[in-house]
Amino acid sequence: MSTLYTILVVVHVLCWIGALALINPISSTIRKGASHAVAAALLTGLIIVGLGEMADLRDYNHYKIATKLLVALAATVVAFVGQRAKEPNPFGRIGFGLVAANILIAITW
């Protein structure tokens, strides 16, 4: 079970890195695939927490998890809406900020 947990953590981190790479804050564009990377990171994060709680692998700070969940939900909505909007739009910078904030919360909290 811990091997599956580790694999999911790696996939989760790669999804956030991919989302960060696919959103360009300078030109405020969201490339194709960024919304799917953010949605995959959200889904793998939910699975990681569920698996960690179920198998008693980790003791989670639920305030941190709730904060990351809200930021990930907002980033997912912004990525999907921003990908469909005409270029340039403010959603690129907002999405990049939300993804970066989620990564910073994970690292620093």
PDB file of N, CA and C in Angstrom:
ATOM      1  N   MET A   1       0.817  -1.191   0.000  1.00  0.00           N
ATOM      2  CA  MET A   1       0.000   0.000   0.000  1.00  0.00           C
ATOM      3  C   MET A   1       0.864   1.260   0.000  1.00  0.00           C
ATOM      4  N   SER A   2       1.989   1.178   0.673  1.00  0.00           N
ATOM      5  CA  SER A   2       2.863   2.359   0.707  1.00  0.00           C
ATOM      6  C   SER A   2       3.518   2.607  -0.651  1.00  0.00           C
ATOM      7  N   THR A   3       3.713   1.571  -1.446  1.00  0.00           N
ATOM      8  CA  THR A   3       4.262   1.747  -2.794  1.00  0.00           C
ATOM      9  C   THR A   3       3.275   2.503  -3.670  1.00  0.00           C
ATOM     10  N   LEU A   4       2.005   2.132  -3.598  1.00  0.00           N
ATOM     11  CA  LEU A   4       0.967   2.840  -4.344  1.00  0.00           C
ATOM     12  C   LEU A   4       0.884   4.294  -3.891  1.00  0.00           C
ATOM     13  N   TYR A   5       0.986   4.514  -2.597  1.00  0.00           N
ATOM     14  CA  TYR A   5       0.966   5.864  -2.045  1.00  0.00           C
ATOM     15  C   TYR A   5       2.130   6.692  -2.599  1.00  0.00           C
ATOM     16  N   THR A   6       3.312   6.117  -2.633  1.00  0.00           N
ATOM     17  CA  THR A   6       4.489   6.816  -3.147  1.00  0.00           C
ATOM     18  C   THR A   6       4.341   7.132  -4.633  1.00  0.00           C
ATOM     19  N   ILE A   7       3.822   6.186  -5.400  1.00  0.00           N
ATOM     20  CA  ILE A   7       3.608   6.408  -6.829  1.00  0.00           C
ATOM     21  C   ILE A   7       2.613   7.543  -7.049  1.00  0.00           C
ATOM     22  N   LEU A   8       1.548   7.565  -6.267  1.00  0.00           N
ATOM     23  CA  LEU A   8       0.553   8.629  -6.400  1.00  0.00           C
ATOM     24  C   LEU A   8       1.123   9.991  -6.011  1.00  0.00           C
ATOM     25  N   VAL A   9       1.976  10.030  -5.024  1.00  0.00           N
ATOM     26  CA  VAL A   9       2.617  11.297  -4.642  1.00  0.00           C
ATOM     27  C   VAL A   9       3.501  11.809  -5.781  1.00  0.00           C
ATOM     28  N   VAL A  10       4.234  10.919  -6.423  1.00  0.00           N
ATOM     29  CA  VAL A  10       5.081  11.313  -7.548  1.00  0.00           C
ATOM     30  C   VAL A  10       4.228  11.835  -8.703  1.00  0.00           C
ATOM     31  N   VAL A  11       3.136  11.152  -9.008  1.00  0.00           N
ATOM     32  CA  VAL A  11       2.239  11.595 -10.082  1.00  0.00           C
ATOM     33  C   VAL A  11       1.624  12.953  -9.726  1.00  0.00           C
ATOM     34  N   HIS A  12       1.256  13.126  -8.474  1.00  0.00           N
ATOM     35  CA  HIS A  12       0.670  14.390  -8.004  1.00  0.00           C
ATOM     36  C   HIS A  12       1.658  15.551  -8.190  1.00  0.00           C
ATOM     37  N   VAL A  13       2.880  15.348  -7.785  1.00  0.00           N
ATOM     38  CA  VAL A  13       3.902  16.393  -7.926  1.00  0.00           C
ATOM     39  C   VAL A  13       4.167  16.688  -9.403  1.00  0.00           C
ATOM     40  N   LEU A  14       4.241  15.662 -10.221  1.00  0.00           N
ATOM     41  CA  LEU A  14       4.464  15.865 -11.655  1.00  0.00           C
ATOM     42  C   LEU A  14       3.302  16.610 -12.308  1.00  0.00           C
ATOM     43  N   CYS A  15       2.080  16.359 -11.865  1.00  0.00           N
ATOM     44  CA  CYS A  15       0.928  17.091 -12.398  1.00  0.00           C
ATOM     45  C   CYS A  15       1.009  18.571 -12.062  1.00  0.00           C
ATOM     46  N   TRP A  16       1.404  18.906 -10.832  1.00  0.00           N
ATOM     47  CA  TRP A  16       1.526  20.319 -10.465  1.00  0.00           C
ATOM     48  C   TRP A  16       2.658  20.987 -11.241  1.00  0.00           C
ATOM     49  N   ILE A  17       3.766  20.279 -11.415  1.00  0.00           N
ATOM     50  CA  ILE A  17       4.879  20.844 -12.189  1.00  0.00           C
ATOM     51  C   ILE A  17       4.463  21.046 -13.642  1.00  0.00           C
ATOM     52  N   GLY A  18       3.740  20.074 -14.189  1.00  0.00           N
ATOM     53  CA  GLY A  18       3.249  20.205 -15.563  1.00  0.00           C
ATOM     54  C   GLY A  18       2.294  21.371 -15.716  1.00  0.00           C
ATOM     55  N   ALA A  19       1.414  21.554 -14.741  1.00  0.00           N
ATOM     56  CA  ALA A  19       0.481  22.685 -14.794  1.00  0.00           C
ATOM     57  C   ALA A  19       1.239  24.000 -14.717  1.00  0.00           C
ATOM     58  N   LEU A  20       2.241  24.056 -13.879  1.00  0.00           N
ATOM     59  CA  LEU A  20       3.044  25.269 -13.754  1.00  0.00           C
ATOM     60  C   LEU A  20       3.781  25.579 -15.061  1.00  0.00           C
ATOM     61  N   ALA A  21       4.234  24.539 -15.733  1.00  0.00           N
ATOM     62  CA  ALA A  21       4.962  24.734 -16.986  1.00  0.00           C
ATOM     63  C   ALA A  21       4.037  25.120 -18.144  1.00  0.00           C
ATOM     64  N   LEU A  22       2.780  24.700 -18.084  1.00  0.00           N
ATOM     65  CA  LEU A  22       1.858  24.955 -19.194  1.00  0.00           C
ATOM     66  C   LEU A  22       1.105  26.286 -19.080  1.00  0.00           C
ATOM     67  N   ILE A  23       1.253  26.965 -17.962  1.00  0.00           N
ATOM     68  CA  ILE A  23       0.611  28.273 -17.798  1.00  0.00           C
ATOM     69  C   ILE A  23       1.697  29.343 -17.866  1.00  0.00           C
ATOM     70  N   ASN A  24       1.547  30.260 -18.816  1.00  0.00           N
ATOM     71  CA  ASN A  24       2.532  31.314 -19.016  1.00  0.00           C
ATOM     72  C   ASN A  24       2.002  32.622 -18.420  1.00  0.00           C
ATOM     73  N   PRO A  25       2.559  33.068 -17.301  1.00  0.00           N
ATOM     74  CA  PRO A  25       2.034  34.291 -16.688  1.00  0.00           C
ATOM     75  C   PRO A  25       2.432  35.567 -17.419  1.00  0.00           C
ATOM     76  N   ILE A  26       3.495  35.521 -18.207  1.00  0.00           N
ATOM     77  CA  ILE A  26       3.960  36.724 -18.900  1.00  0.00           C
ATOM     78  C   ILE A  26       2.997  37.086 -20.029  1.00  0.00           C
ATOM     79  N   SER A  27       2.668  36.118 -20.871  1.00  0.00           N
ATOM     80  CA  SER A  27       1.727  36.391 -21.960  1.00  0.00           C
ATOM     81  C   SER A  27       0.292  36.097 -21.543  1.00  0.00           C
ATOM     82  N   SER A  28       0.105  35.628 -20.315  1.00  0.00           N
ATOM     83  CA  SER A  28      -1.216  35.324 -19.751  1.00  0.00           C
ATOM     84  C   SER A  28      -1.972  34.321 -20.610  1.00  0.00           C
ATOM     85  N   THR A  29      -1.279  33.242 -20.974  1.00  0.00           N
ATOM     86  CA  THR A  29      -1.912  32.188 -21.763  1.00  0.00           C
ATOM     87  C   THR A  29      -1.902  30.880 -20.986  1.00  0.00           C
ATOM     88  N   ILE A  30      -2.956  30.125 -21.220  1.00  0.00           N
ATOM     89  CA  ILE A  30      -3.063  28.795 -20.643  1.00  0.00           C
ATOM     90  C   ILE A  30      -3.048  27.817 -21.808  1.00  0.00           C
ATOM     91  N   ARG A  31      -1.982  27.050 -21.911  1.00  0.00           N
ATOM     92  CA  ARG A  31      -1.850  26.111 -23.019  1.00  0.00           C
ATOM     93  C   ARG A  31      -2.748  24.902 -22.818  1.00  0.00           C
ATOM     94  N   LYS A  32      -3.003  24.223 -23.922  1.00  0.00           N
ATOM     95  CA  LYS A  32      -3.814  23.011 -23.844  1.00  0.00           C
ATOM     96  C   LYS A  32      -3.113  21.989 -22.967  1.00  0.00           C
ATOM     97  N   GLY A  33      -3.855  21.369 -22.111  1.00  0.00           N
ATOM     98  CA  GLY A  33      -3.301  20.379 -21.212  1.00  0.00           C
ATOM     99  C   GLY A  33      -3.125  20.885 -19.794  1.00  0.00           C
ATOM    100  N   ALA A  34      -3.067  22.201 -19.619  1.00  0.00           N
ATOM    101  CA  ALA A  34      -2.885  22.749 -18.276  1.00  0.00           C
ATOM    102  C   ALA A  34      -4.100  22.452 -17.405  1.00  0.00           C
ATOM    103  N   SER A  35      -5.279  22.577 -17.991  1.00  0.00           N
ATOM    104  CA  SER A  35      -6.487  22.308 -17.210  1.00  0.00           C
ATOM    105  C   SER A  35      -6.562  20.840 -16.807  1.00  0.00           C
ATOM    106  N   HIS A  36      -6.111  19.966 -17.692  1.00  0.00           N
ATOM    107  CA  HIS A  36      -6.114  18.535 -17.359  1.00  0.00           C
ATOM    108  C   HIS A  36      -5.045  18.206 -16.327  1.00  0.00           C
ATOM    109  N   ALA A  37      -3.923  18.895 -16.385  1.00  0.00           N
ATOM    110  CA  ALA A  37      -2.871  18.669 -15.387  1.00  0.00           C
ATOM    111  C   ALA A  37      -3.334  19.119 -14.006  1.00  0.00           C
ATOM    112  N   VAL A  38      -4.021  20.257 -13.937  1.00  0.00           N
ATOM    113  CA  VAL A  38      -4.522  20.741 -12.659  1.00  0.00           C
ATOM    114  C   VAL A  38      -5.618  19.812 -12.134  1.00  0.00           C
ATOM    115  N   ALA A  39      -6.506  19.366 -13.019  1.00  0.00           N
ATOM    116  CA  ALA A  39      -7.570  18.452 -12.599  1.00  0.00           C
ATOM    117  C   ALA A  39      -6.987  17.115 -12.136  1.00  0.00           C
ATOM    118  N   ALA A  40      -5.953  16.634 -12.816  1.00  0.00           N
ATOM    119  CA  ALA A  40      -5.308  15.382 -12.401  1.00  0.00           C
ATOM    120  C   ALA A  40      -4.605  15.549 -11.058  1.00  0.00           C
ATOM    121  N   ALA A  41      -4.008  16.711 -10.834  1.00  0.00           N
ATOM    122  CA  ALA A  41      -3.373  16.969  -9.539  1.00  0.00           C
ATOM    123  C   ALA A  41      -4.420  17.017  -8.429  1.00  0.00           C
ATOM    124  N   LEU A  42      -5.567  17.619  -8.711  1.00  0.00           N
ATOM    125  CA  LEU A  42      -6.658  17.651  -7.736  1.00  0.00           C
ATOM    126  C   LEU A  42      -7.138  16.235  -7.416  1.00  0.00           C
ATOM    127  N   LEU A  43      -7.351  15.441  -8.442  1.00  0.00           N
ATOM    128  CA  LEU A  43      -7.835  14.077  -8.241  1.00  0.00           C
ATOM    129  C   LEU A  43      -6.816  13.207  -7.503  1.00  0.00           C
ATOM    130  N   THR A  44      -5.555  13.291  -7.898  1.00  0.00           N
ATOM    131  CA  THR A  44      -4.544  12.486  -7.203  1.00  0.00           C
ATOM    132  C   THR A  44      -4.358  12.948  -5.762  1.00  0.00           C
ATOM    133  N   GLY A  45      -4.520  14.240  -5.510  1.00  0.00           N
ATOM    134  CA  GLY A  45      -4.443  14.736  -4.142  1.00  0.00           C
ATOM    135  C   GLY A  45      -5.550  14.167  -3.274  1.00  0.00           C
ATOM    136  N   LEU A  46      -6.763  14.115  -3.826  1.00  0.00           N
ATOM    137  CA  LEU A  46      -7.877  13.517  -3.089  1.00  0.00           C
ATOM    138  C   LEU A  46      -7.640  12.038  -2.811  1.00  0.00           C
ATOM    139  N   ILE A  47      -7.119  11.333  -3.805  1.00  0.00           N
ATOM    140  CA  ILE A  47      -6.835   9.906  -3.638  1.00  0.00           C
ATOM    141  C   ILE A  47      -5.727   9.693  -2.612  1.00  0.00           C
ATOM    142  N   ILE A  48      -4.707  10.533  -2.652  1.00  0.00           N
ATOM    143  CA  ILE A  48      -3.591  10.425  -1.702  1.00  0.00           C
ATOM    144  C   ILE A  48      -4.090  10.586  -0.267  1.00  0.00           C
ATOM    145  N   VAL A  49      -4.909  11.600  -0.030  1.00  0.00           N
ATOM    146  CA  VAL A  49      -5.408  11.824   1.331  1.00  0.00           C
ATOM    147  C   VAL A  49      -6.329  10.681   1.754  1.00  0.00           C
ATOM    148  N   GLY A  50      -7.193  10.245   0.860  1.00  0.00           N
ATOM    149  CA  GLY A  50      -8.068   9.129   1.196  1.00  0.00           C
ATOM    150  C   GLY A  50      -7.305   7.855   1.485  1.00  0.00           C
ATOM    151  N   LEU A  51      -6.304   7.566   0.673  1.00  0.00           N
ATOM    152  CA  LEU A  51      -5.486   6.372   0.872  1.00  0.00           C
ATOM    153  C   LEU A  51      -4.642   6.486   2.139  1.00  0.00           C
ATOM    154  N   GLY A  52      -4.088   7.657   2.384  1.00  0.00           N
ATOM    155  CA  GLY A  52      -3.286   7.857   3.585  1.00  0.00           C
ATOM    156  C   GLY A  52      -4.091   7.724   4.863  1.00  0.00           C
ATOM    157  N   GLU A  53      -5.325   8.236   4.841  1.00  0.00           N
ATOM    158  CA  GLU A  53      -6.189   8.103   6.009  1.00  0.00           C
ATOM    159  C   GLU A  53      -6.681   6.671   6.176  1.00  0.00           C
ATOM    160  N   MET A  54      -7.037   6.037   5.074  1.00  0.00           N
ATOM    161  CA  MET A  54      -7.582   4.688   5.134  1.00  0.00           C
ATOM    162  C   MET A  54      -6.543   3.679   5.617  1.00  0.00           C
ATOM    163  N   ALA A  55      -5.344   3.773   5.115  1.00  0.00           N
ATOM    164  CA  ALA A  55      -4.294   2.816   5.456  1.00  0.00           C
ATOM    165  C   ALA A  55      -3.471   3.260   6.658  1.00  0.00           C
ATOM    166  N   ASP A  56      -3.822   4.390   7.243  1.00  0.00           N
ATOM    167  CA  ASP A  56      -3.089   4.934   8.393  1.00  0.00           C
ATOM    168  C   ASP A  56      -1.606   5.128   8.085  1.00  0.00           C
ATOM    169  N   LEU A  57      -1.342   5.641   6.875  1.00  0.00           N
ATOM    170  CA  LEU A  57       0.040   5.879   6.463  1.00  0.00           C
ATOM    171  C   LEU A  57       0.568   7.223   6.956  1.00  0.00           C
ATOM    172  N   ARG A  58      -0.315   8.204   7.089  1.00  0.00           N
ATOM    173  CA  ARG A  58       0.098   9.550   7.489  1.00  0.00           C
ATOM    174  C   ARG A  58      -0.887  10.125   8.471  1.00  0.00           C
ATOM    175  N   ASP A  59      -0.437  11.101   9.240  1.00  0.00           N
ATOM    176  CA  ASP A  59      -1.300  11.884  10.102  1.00  0.00           C
ATOM    177  C   ASP A  59      -1.369  13.278   9.481  1.00  0.00           C
ATOM    178  N   TYR A  60      -2.493  13.614   8.878  1.00  0.00           N
ATOM    179  CA  TYR A  60      -2.619  14.841   8.103  1.00  0.00           C
ATOM    180  C   TYR A  60      -3.052  16.023   8.952  1.00  0.00           C
ATOM    181  N   ASN A  61      -2.574  17.196   8.559  1.00  0.00           N
ATOM    182  CA  ASN A  61      -3.069  18.456   9.082  1.00  0.00           C
ATOM    183  C   ASN A  61      -4.275  18.817   8.216  1.00  0.00           C
ATOM    184  N   HIS A  62      -5.463  18.676   8.759  1.00  0.00           N
ATOM    185  CA  HIS A  62      -6.673  18.831   7.957  1.00  0.00           C
ATOM    186  C   HIS A  62      -6.934  20.278   7.559  1.00  0.00           C
ATOM    187  N   TYR A  63      -6.406  21.231   8.302  1.00  0.00           N
ATOM    188  CA  TYR A  63      -6.512  22.630   7.873  1.00  0.00           C
ATOM    189  C   TYR A  63      -5.698  22.856   6.597  1.00  0.00           C
ATOM    190  N   LYS A  64      -4.518  22.272   6.545  1.00  0.00           N
ATOM    191  CA  LYS A  64      -3.672  22.386   5.358  1.00  0.00           C
ATOM    192  C   LYS A  64      -4.340  21.704   4.165  1.00  0.00           C
ATOM    193  N   ILE A  65      -4.896  20.518   4.395  1.00  0.00           N
ATOM    194  CA  ILE A  65      -5.550  19.788   3.312  1.00  0.00           C
ATOM    195  C   ILE A  65      -6.753  20.565   2.793  1.00  0.00           C
ATOM    196  N   ALA A  66      -7.543  21.153   3.693  1.00  0.00           N
ATOM    197  CA  ALA A  66      -8.701  21.944   3.277  1.00  0.00           C
ATOM    198  C   ALA A  66      -8.274  23.173   2.489  1.00  0.00           C
ATOM    199  N   THR A  67      -7.212  23.837   2.927  1.00  0.00           N
ATOM    200  CA  THR A  67      -6.714  25.008   2.211  1.00  0.00           C
ATOM    201  C   THR A  67      -6.227  24.627   0.826  1.00  0.00           C
ATOM    202  N   LYS A  68      -5.453  23.542   0.756  1.00  0.00           N
ATOM    203  CA  LYS A  68      -4.950  23.088  -0.548  1.00  0.00           C
ATOM    204  C   LYS A  68      -6.097  22.654  -1.459  1.00  0.00           C
ATOM    205  N   LEU A  69      -7.136  22.052  -0.888  1.00  0.00           N
ATOM    206  CA  LEU A  69      -8.285  21.632  -1.689  1.00  0.00           C
ATOM    207  C   LEU A  69      -8.996  22.833  -2.286  1.00  0.00           C
ATOM    208  N   LEU A  70      -9.209  23.877  -1.489  1.00  0.00           N
ATOM    209  CA  LEU A  70      -9.875  25.075  -2.004  1.00  0.00           C
ATOM    210  C   LEU A  70      -9.048  25.765  -3.084  1.00  0.00           C
ATOM    211  N   VAL A  71      -7.748  25.846  -2.876  1.00  0.00           N
ATOM    212  CA  VAL A  71      -6.877  26.467  -3.881  1.00  0.00           C
ATOM    213  C   VAL A  71      -6.849  25.619  -5.149  1.00  0.00           C
ATOM    214  N   ALA A  72      -6.813  24.293  -5.004  1.00  0.00           N
ATOM    215  CA  ALA A  72      -6.801  23.406  -6.172  1.00  0.00           C
ATOM    216  C   ALA A  72      -8.117  23.478  -6.937  1.00  0.00           C
ATOM    217  N   LEU A  73      -9.235  23.556  -6.225  1.00  0.00           N
ATOM    218  CA  LEU A  73     -10.522  23.717  -6.904  1.00  0.00           C
ATOM    219  C   LEU A  73     -10.581  25.029  -7.673  1.00  0.00           C
ATOM    220  N   ALA A  74     -10.118  26.100  -7.061  1.00  0.00           N
ATOM    221  CA  ALA A  74     -10.094  27.399  -7.739  1.00  0.00           C
ATOM    222  C   ALA A  74      -9.170  27.361  -8.949  1.00  0.00           C
ATOM    223  N   ALA A  75      -8.009  26.731  -8.805  1.00  0.00           N
ATOM    224  CA  ALA A  75      -7.072  26.629  -9.931  1.00  0.00           C
ATOM    225  C   ALA A  75      -7.668  25.805 -11.071  1.00  0.00           C
ATOM    226  N   THR A  76      -8.405  24.764 -10.743  1.00  0.00           N
ATOM    227  CA  THR A  76      -9.029  23.935 -11.771  1.00  0.00           C
ATOM    228  C   THR A  76     -10.079  24.723 -12.539  1.00  0.00           C
ATOM    229  N   VAL A  77     -10.922  25.449 -11.817  1.00  0.00           N
ATOM    230  CA  VAL A  77     -11.956  26.261 -12.475  1.00  0.00           C
ATOM    231  C   VAL A  77     -11.314  27.337 -13.343  1.00  0.00           C
ATOM    232  N   VAL A  78     -10.322  28.019 -12.811  1.00  0.00           N
ATOM    233  CA  VAL A  78      -9.648  29.080 -13.576  1.00  0.00           C
ATOM    234  C   VAL A  78      -8.972  28.506 -14.818  1.00  0.00           C
ATOM    235  N   ALA A  79      -8.359  27.341 -14.701  1.00  0.00           N
ATOM    236  CA  ALA A  79      -7.676  26.736 -15.849  1.00  0.00           C
ATOM    237  C   ALA A  79      -8.666  26.357 -16.943  1.00  0.00           C
ATOM    238  N   PHE A  80      -9.790  25.764 -16.569  1.00  0.00           N
ATOM    239  CA  PHE A  80     -10.781  25.379 -17.586  1.00  0.00           C
ATOM    240  C   PHE A  80     -11.443  26.596 -18.217  1.00  0.00           C
ATOM    241  N   VAL A  81     -11.774  27.596 -17.419  1.00  0.00           N
ATOM    242  CA  VAL A  81     -12.404  28.807 -17.964  1.00  0.00           C
ATOM    243  C   VAL A  81     -11.393  29.605 -18.780  1.00  0.00           C
ATOM    244  N   GLY A  82     -10.179  29.732 -18.288  1.00  0.00           N
ATOM    245  CA  GLY A  82      -9.155  30.512 -18.984  1.00  0.00           C
ATOM    246  C   GLY A  82      -8.706  29.903 -20.286  1.00  0.00           C
ATOM    247  N   GLN A  83      -8.790  28.590 -20.387  1.00  0.00           N
ATOM    248  CA  GLN A  83      -8.394  27.930 -21.632  1.00  0.00           C
ATOM    249  C   GLN A  83      -9.396  28.214 -22.749  1.00  0.00           C
ATOM    250  N   ARG A  84     -10.639  28.440 -22.383  1.00  0.00           N
ATOM    251  CA  ARG A  84     -11.676  28.699 -23.386  1.00  0.00           C
ATOM    252  C   ARG A  84     -11.824  30.190 -23.723  1.00  0.00           C
ATOM    253  N   ALA A  85     -11.278  31.065 -22.890  1.00  0.00           N
ATOM    254  CA  ALA A  85     -11.426  32.500 -23.102  1.00  0.00           C
ATOM    255  C   ALA A  85     -10.501  32.978 -24.220  1.00  0.00           C
ATOM    256  N   LYS A  86     -10.846  34.117 -24.764  1.00  0.00           N
ATOM    257  CA  LYS A  86     -10.021  34.714 -25.827  1.00  0.00           C
ATOM    258  C   LYS A  86      -8.714  35.209 -25.229  1.00  0.00           C
ATOM    259  N   GLU A  87      -7.666  35.195 -26.033  1.00  0.00           N
ATOM    260  CA  GLU A  87      -6.342  35.628 -25.586  1.00  0.00           C
ATOM    261  C   GLU A  87      -6.177  37.114 -25.816  1.00  0.00           C
ATOM    262  N   PRO A  88      -5.444  37.846 -25.052  1.00  0.00           N
ATOM    263  CA  PRO A  88      -4.965  37.552 -23.703  1.00  0.00           C
ATOM    264  C   PRO A  88      -6.081  37.768 -22.694  1.00  0.00           C
ATOM    265  N   ASN A  89      -6.002  37.058 -21.607  1.00  0.00           N
ATOM    266  CA  ASN A  89      -6.994  37.180 -20.547  1.00  0.00           C
ATOM    267  C   ASN A  89      -6.287  37.133 -19.195  1.00  0.00           C
ATOM    268  N   PRO A  90      -6.935  37.587 -18.157  1.00  0.00           N
ATOM    269  CA  PRO A  90      -6.278  37.600 -16.840  1.00  0.00           C
ATOM    270  C   PRO A  90      -6.210  36.219 -16.192  1.00  0.00           C
ATOM    271  N   PHE A  91      -6.860  35.232 -16.780  1.00  0.00           N
ATOM    272  CA  PHE A  91      -6.905  33.915 -16.162  1.00  0.00           C
ATOM    273  C   PHE A  91      -5.546  33.229 -16.136  1.00  0.00           C
ATOM    274  N   GLY A  92      -4.672  33.566 -17.066  1.00  0.00           N
ATOM    275  CA  GLY A  92      -3.342  32.964 -17.081  1.00  0.00           C
ATOM    276  C   GLY A  92      -2.543  33.326 -15.845  1.00  0.00           C
ATOM    277  N   ARG A  93      -2.564  34.590 -15.502  1.00  0.00           N
ATOM    278  CA  ARG A  93      -1.828  35.031 -14.309  1.00  0.00           C
ATOM    279  C   ARG A  93      -2.477  34.520 -13.024  1.00  0.00           C
ATOM    280  N   ILE A  94      -3.804  34.529 -12.987  1.00  0.00           N
ATOM    281  CA  ILE A  94      -4.514  34.029 -11.811  1.00  0.00           C
ATOM    282  C   ILE A  94      -4.243  32.541 -11.627  1.00  0.00           C
ATOM    283  N   GLY A  95      -4.319  31.783 -12.726  1.00  0.00           N
ATOM    284  CA  GLY A  95      -4.067  30.341 -12.658  1.00  0.00           C
ATOM    285  C   GLY A  95      -2.647  30.026 -12.230  1.00  0.00           C
ATOM    286  N   PHE A  96      -1.688  30.761 -12.769  1.00  0.00           N
ATOM    287  CA  PHE A  96      -0.295  30.559 -12.382  1.00  0.00           C
ATOM    288  C   PHE A  96      -0.102  30.857 -10.901  1.00  0.00           C
ATOM    289  N   GLY A  97      -0.722  31.926 -10.425  1.00  0.00           N
ATOM    290  CA  GLY A  97      -0.618  32.277  -9.013  1.00  0.00           C
ATOM    291  C   GLY A  97      -1.234  31.230  -8.107  1.00  0.00           C
ATOM    292  N   LEU A  98      -2.374  30.677  -8.508  1.00  0.00           N
ATOM    293  CA  LEU A  98      -3.020  29.649  -7.695  1.00  0.00           C
ATOM    294  C   LEU A  98      -2.207  28.358  -7.667  1.00  0.00           C
ATOM    295  N   VAL A  99      -1.660  27.972  -8.807  1.00  0.00           N
ATOM    296  CA  VAL A  99      -0.829  26.765  -8.846  1.00  0.00           C
ATOM    297  C   VAL A  99       0.432  26.969  -8.009  1.00  0.00           C
ATOM    298  N   ALA A 100       1.061  28.130  -8.160  1.00  0.00           N
ATOM    299  CA  ALA A 100       2.260  28.411  -7.363  1.00  0.00           C
ATOM    300  C   ALA A 100       1.928  28.483  -5.878  1.00  0.00           C
ATOM    301  N   ALA A 101       0.769  29.051  -5.536  1.00  0.00           N
ATOM    302  CA  ALA A 101       0.360  29.117  -4.130  1.00  0.00           C
ATOM    303  C   ALA A 101       0.146  27.719  -3.557  1.00  0.00           C
ATOM    304  N   ASN A 102      -0.444  26.842  -4.346  1.00  0.00           N
ATOM    305  CA  ASN A 102      -0.673  25.472  -3.871  1.00  0.00           C
ATOM    306  C   ASN A 102       0.652  24.749  -3.631  1.00  0.00           C
ATOM    307  N   ILE A 103       1.603  24.959  -4.501  1.00  0.00           N
ATOM    308  CA  ILE A 103       2.916  24.341  -4.329  1.00  0.00           C
ATOM    309  C   ILE A 103       3.609  24.919  -3.087  1.00  0.00           C
ATOM    310  N   LEU A 104       3.525  26.233  -2.910  1.00  0.00           N
ATOM    311  CA  LEU A 104       4.144  26.872  -1.749  1.00  0.00           C
ATOM    312  C   LEU A 104       3.496  26.427  -0.434  1.00  0.00           C
ATOM    313  N   ILE A 105       2.184  26.249  -0.442  1.00  0.00           N
ATOM    314  CA  ILE A 105       1.500  25.754   0.758  1.00  0.00           C
ATOM    315  C   ILE A 105       1.989  24.365   1.091  1.00  0.00           C
ATOM    316  N   ALA A 106       2.152  23.516   0.080  1.00  0.00           N
ATOM    317  CA  ALA A 106       2.613  22.156   0.307  1.00  0.00           C
ATOM    318  C   ALA A 106       4.019  22.131   0.873  1.00  0.00           C
ATOM    319  N   ILE A 107       4.856  23.025   0.416  1.00  0.00           N
ATOM    320  CA  ILE A 107       6.252  23.014   0.844  1.00  0.00           C
ATOM    321  C   ILE A 107       6.440  23.660   2.210  1.00  0.00           C
ATOM    322  N   THR A 108       5.793  24.794   2.442  1.00  0.00           N
ATOM    323  CA  THR A 108       6.105  25.572   3.628  1.00  0.00           C
ATOM    324  C   THR A 108       5.265  25.260   4.855  1.00  0.00           C
ATOM    325  N   TRP A 109       4.071  24.717   4.678  1.00  0.00           N
ATOM    326  CA  TRP A 109       3.190  24.504   5.831  1.00  0.00           C
ATOM    327  C   TRP A 109       3.501  23.216   6.499  1.00  0.00           C
TER     328      TRP A 109
END
